[in-house]
Every structure is written in C-alpha cells, then in structure tokens.
PDB file of N, CA and C in Angstrom:
ATOM      1  N   GLN A   1      26.024  21.264  12.365  1.00  0.00           N
ATOM      2  CA  GLN A   1      25.283  21.340  14.073  1.00  0.00           C
ATOM      3  C   GLN A   1      25.493  22.804  14.180  1.00  0.00           C
ATOM      4  N   ARG A   2      24.425  23.543  14.595  1.00  0.00           N
ATOM      5  CA  ARG A   2      24.417  25.113  14.941  1.00  0.00           C
ATOM      6  C   ARG A   2      23.362  24.633  15.570  1.00  0.00           C
ATOM      7  N   LEU A   3      24.477  26.068  16.928  1.00  0.00           N
ATOM      8  CA  LEU A   3      24.269  25.968  18.317  1.00  0.00           C
ATOM      9  C   LEU A   3      22.727  27.131  18.280  1.00  0.00           C
ATOM     10  N   MET A   4      21.733  26.454  18.925  1.00  0.00           N
ATOM     11  CA  MET A   4      20.143  26.955  19.052  1.00  0.00           C
ATOM     12  C   MET A   4      20.089  28.388  19.616  1.00  0.00           C
ATOM     13  N   ALA A   5      20.667  28.487  20.644  1.00  0.00           N
ATOM     14  CA  ALA A   5      20.951  29.243  21.595  1.00  0.00           C
ATOM     15  C   ALA A   5      21.542  30.357  21.188  1.00  0.00           C
ATOM     16  N   ARG A   6      20.951  32.347  21.591  1.00  0.00           N
ATOM     17  CA  ARG A   6      21.726  33.000  20.951  1.00  0.00           C
ATOM     18  C   ARG A   6      22.540  33.853  21.769  1.00  0.00           C
ATOM     19  N   ASN A   7      22.077  33.490  23.517  1.00  0.00           N
ATOM     20  CA  ASN A   7      22.613  33.749  24.236  1.00  0.00           C
ATOM     21  C   ASN A   7      23.780  33.041  24.756  1.00  0.00           C
ATOM     22  N   PHE A   8      25.517  33.309  24.834  1.00  0.00           N
ATOM     23  CA  PHE A   8      26.536  33.023  25.334  1.00  0.00           C
ATOM     24  C   PHE A   8      26.785  32.136  26.501  1.00  0.00           C
ATOM     25  N   ASP A   9      25.619  32.444  27.141  1.00  0.00           N
ATOM     26  CA  ASP A   9      25.500  31.541  28.019  1.00  0.00           C
ATOM     27  C   ASP A   9      25.261  30.322  28.159  1.00  0.00           C
ATOM     28  N   ARG A  10      23.798  30.444  27.292  1.00  0.00           N
ATOM     29  CA  ARG A  10      23.221  29.433  26.927  1.00  0.00           C
ATOM     30  C   ARG A  10      24.006  28.558  25.888  1.00  0.00           C
ATOM     31  N   GLN A  11      24.702  29.149  25.243  1.00  0.00           N
ATOM     32  CA  GLN A  11      25.240  28.573  24.335  1.00  0.00           C
ATOM     33  C   GLN A  11      25.797  27.480  25.106  1.00  0.00           C
ATOM     34  N   VAL A  12      27.036  27.813  26.070  1.00  0.00           N
ATOM     35  CA  VAL A  12      27.962  27.182  26.622  1.00  0.00           C
ATOM     36  C   VAL A  12      27.157  26.472  27.454  1.00  0.00           C
ATOM     37  N   ALA A  13      26.381  26.010  28.323  1.00  0.00           N
ATOM     38  CA  ALA A  13      24.814  25.224  28.465  1.00  0.00           C
ATOM     39  C   ALA A  13      24.788  24.033  27.751  1.00  0.00           C
ATOM     40  N   GLU A  14      24.045  24.599  26.600  1.00  0.00           N
ATOM     41  CA  GLU A  14      24.263  23.532  25.566  1.00  0.00           C
ATOM     42  C   GLU A  14      25.277  22.614  25.122  1.00  0.00           C
ATOM     43  N   LEU A  15      26.395  23.213  24.912  1.00  0.00           N
ATOM     44  CA  LEU A  15      27.134  22.588  24.348  1.00  0.00           C
ATOM     45  C   LEU A  15      27.767  21.604  25.417  1.00  0.00           C
ATOM     46  N   GLN A  16      27.464  21.950  27.093  1.00  0.00           N
ATOM     47  CA  GLN A  16      28.014  20.657  27.847  1.00  0.00           C
ATOM     48  C   GLN A  16      26.797  20.196  27.943  1.00  0.00           C
ATOM     49  N   VAL A  17      25.938  19.989  27.841  1.00  0.00           N
ATOM     50  CA  VAL A  17      24.789  19.081  27.575  1.00  0.00           C
ATOM     51  C   VAL A  17      25.026  18.079  26.261  1.00  0.00           C
ATOM     52  N   ARG A  18      25.503  18.570  24.877  1.00  0.00           N
ATOM     53  CA  ARG A  18      25.937  17.870  24.071  1.00  0.00           C
ATOM     54  C   ARG A  18      26.825  16.927  24.130  1.00  0.00           C
ATOM     55  N   ILE A  19      27.937  17.669  24.733  1.00  0.00           N
ATOM     56  CA  ILE A  19      29.325  16.987  25.611  1.00  0.00           C
ATOM     57  C   ILE A  19      29.120  15.498  26.471  1.00  0.00           C
ATOM     58  N   ALA A  20      28.012  15.797  27.212  1.00  0.00           N
ATOM     59  CA  ALA A  20      27.912  14.568  28.267  1.00  0.00           C
ATOM     60  C   ALA A  20      26.593  14.006  27.797  1.00  0.00           C
ATOM     61  N   VAL A  21      26.032  13.883  26.715  1.00  0.00           N
ATOM     62  CA  VAL A  21      25.511  12.644  26.086  1.00  0.00           C
ATOM     63  C   VAL A  21      26.659  12.035  25.043  1.00  0.00           C
ATOM     64  N   LEU A  22      27.347  12.671  24.819  1.00  0.00           N
ATOM     65  CA  LEU A  22      28.310  12.213  23.796  1.00  0.00           C
ATOM     66  C   LEU A  22      29.396  11.366  24.743  1.00  0.00           C
ATOM     67  N   ASN A  23      29.663  11.976  25.515  1.00  0.00           N
ATOM     68  CA  ASN A  23      30.512  10.732  26.809  1.00  0.00           C
ATOM     69  C   ASN A  23      29.544   9.952  27.019  1.00  0.00           C
ATOM     70  N   GLY A  24      28.732   9.521  27.315  1.00  0.00           N
ATOM     71  CA  GLY A  24      28.012   8.746  28.020  1.00  0.00           C
ATOM     72  C   GLY A  24      27.752   7.546  26.749  1.00  0.00           C
ATOM     73  N   TYR A  25      27.417   7.522  25.508  1.00  0.00           N
ATOM     74  CA  TYR A  25      27.462   7.357  24.696  1.00  0.00           C
ATOM     75  C   TYR A  25      28.832   6.074  24.218  1.00  0.00           C
ATOM     76  N   THR A  26      29.844   7.236  24.296  1.00  0.00           N
ATOM     77  CA  THR A  26      31.352   6.681  24.778  1.00  0.00           C
ATOM     78  C   THR A  26      31.332   5.671  25.738  1.00  0.00           C
ATOM     79  N   ALA A  27      31.238   5.869  26.666  1.00  0.00           N
ATOM     80  CA  ALA A  27      31.684   5.593  27.987  1.00  0.00           C
ATOM     81  C   ALA A  27      30.485   3.226  27.949  1.00  0.00           C
ATOM     82  N   LEU A  28      29.067   3.617  27.329  1.00  0.00           N
ATOM     83  CA  LEU A  28      29.007   2.742  27.097  1.00  0.00           C
ATOM     84  C   LEU A  28      29.522   1.583  25.966  1.00  0.00           C
ATOM     85  N   GLY A  29      30.329   2.395  25.015  1.00  0.00           N
ATOM     86  CA  GLY A  29      31.431   1.664  24.019  1.00  0.00           C
ATOM     87  C   GLY A  29      32.543   0.940  24.350  1.00  0.00           C
ATOM     88  N   ILE A  30      33.032   1.596  25.948  1.00  0.00           N
ATOM     89  CA  ILE A  30      34.000   1.229  26.255  1.00  0.00           C
ATOM     90  C   ILE A  30      34.007  -0.074  26.809  1.00  0.00           C
ATOM     91  N   PRO A  31      34.859  -1.332  26.944  1.00  0.00           N
ATOM     92  CA  PRO A  31      34.735  -2.465  26.877  1.00  0.00           C
ATOM     93  C   PRO A  31      35.615  -2.374  28.792  1.00  0.00           C
ATOM     94  N   VAL A  32      34.664  -3.149  29.856  1.00  0.00           N
ATOM     95  CA  VAL A  32      35.542  -3.177  31.244  1.00  0.00           C
ATOM     96  C   VAL A  32      36.573  -4.232  30.881  1.00  0.00           C
ATOM     97  N   THR A  33      37.961  -3.592  30.955  1.00  0.00           N
ATOM     98  CA  THR A  33      38.662  -4.443  31.309  1.00  0.00           C
ATOM     99  C   THR A  33      39.195  -5.125  32.607  1.00  0.00           C
ATOM    100  N   GLU A  34      39.365  -6.580  33.023  1.00  0.00           N
ATOM    101  CA  GLU A  34      39.300  -6.866  34.380  1.00  0.00           C
ATOM    102  C   GLU A  34      41.003  -7.601  34.436  1.00  0.00           C
ATOM    103  N   ALA A  35      42.153  -7.155  35.661  1.00  0.00           N
ATOM    104  CA  ALA A  35      43.322  -8.039  35.222  1.00  0.00           C
ATOM    105  C   ALA A  35      43.147  -9.396  36.276  1.00  0.00           C
ATOM    106  N   VAL A  36      43.420 -10.679  35.382  1.00  0.00           N
ATOM    107  CA  VAL A  36      43.333 -11.694  35.412  1.00  0.00           C
ATOM    108  C   VAL A  36      44.940 -12.092  36.226  1.00  0.00           C
ATOM    109  N   GLY A  37      44.762 -12.824  37.580  1.00  0.00           N
ATOM    110  CA  GLY A  37      46.532 -13.580  38.096  1.00  0.00           C
ATOM    111  C   GLY A  37      47.254 -12.608  39.073  1.00  0.00           C
TER     112      GLY A  37
END
C-alpha cells in the first residue's frame, strides 16, 4: 500500500484516517465482557 499524498502533512493525515478505520473494525470484533457474580 502506498500513500497517495505527496505532502508530508497530508501523508500524516492519510495515515491517521487509515488507523481510525482499522481501529473501528477492530472494535467491532472485540467481544464485550461483563463480570458475573
């Protein structure tokens, strides 16, 4: 995967968007655990 942006600041923003998307998918896969008892 390559960065589309050429400017460094835009590359940073692009990476932050990718990380946010990946974190969203990861959060969907984490089961919610509740203490019983």
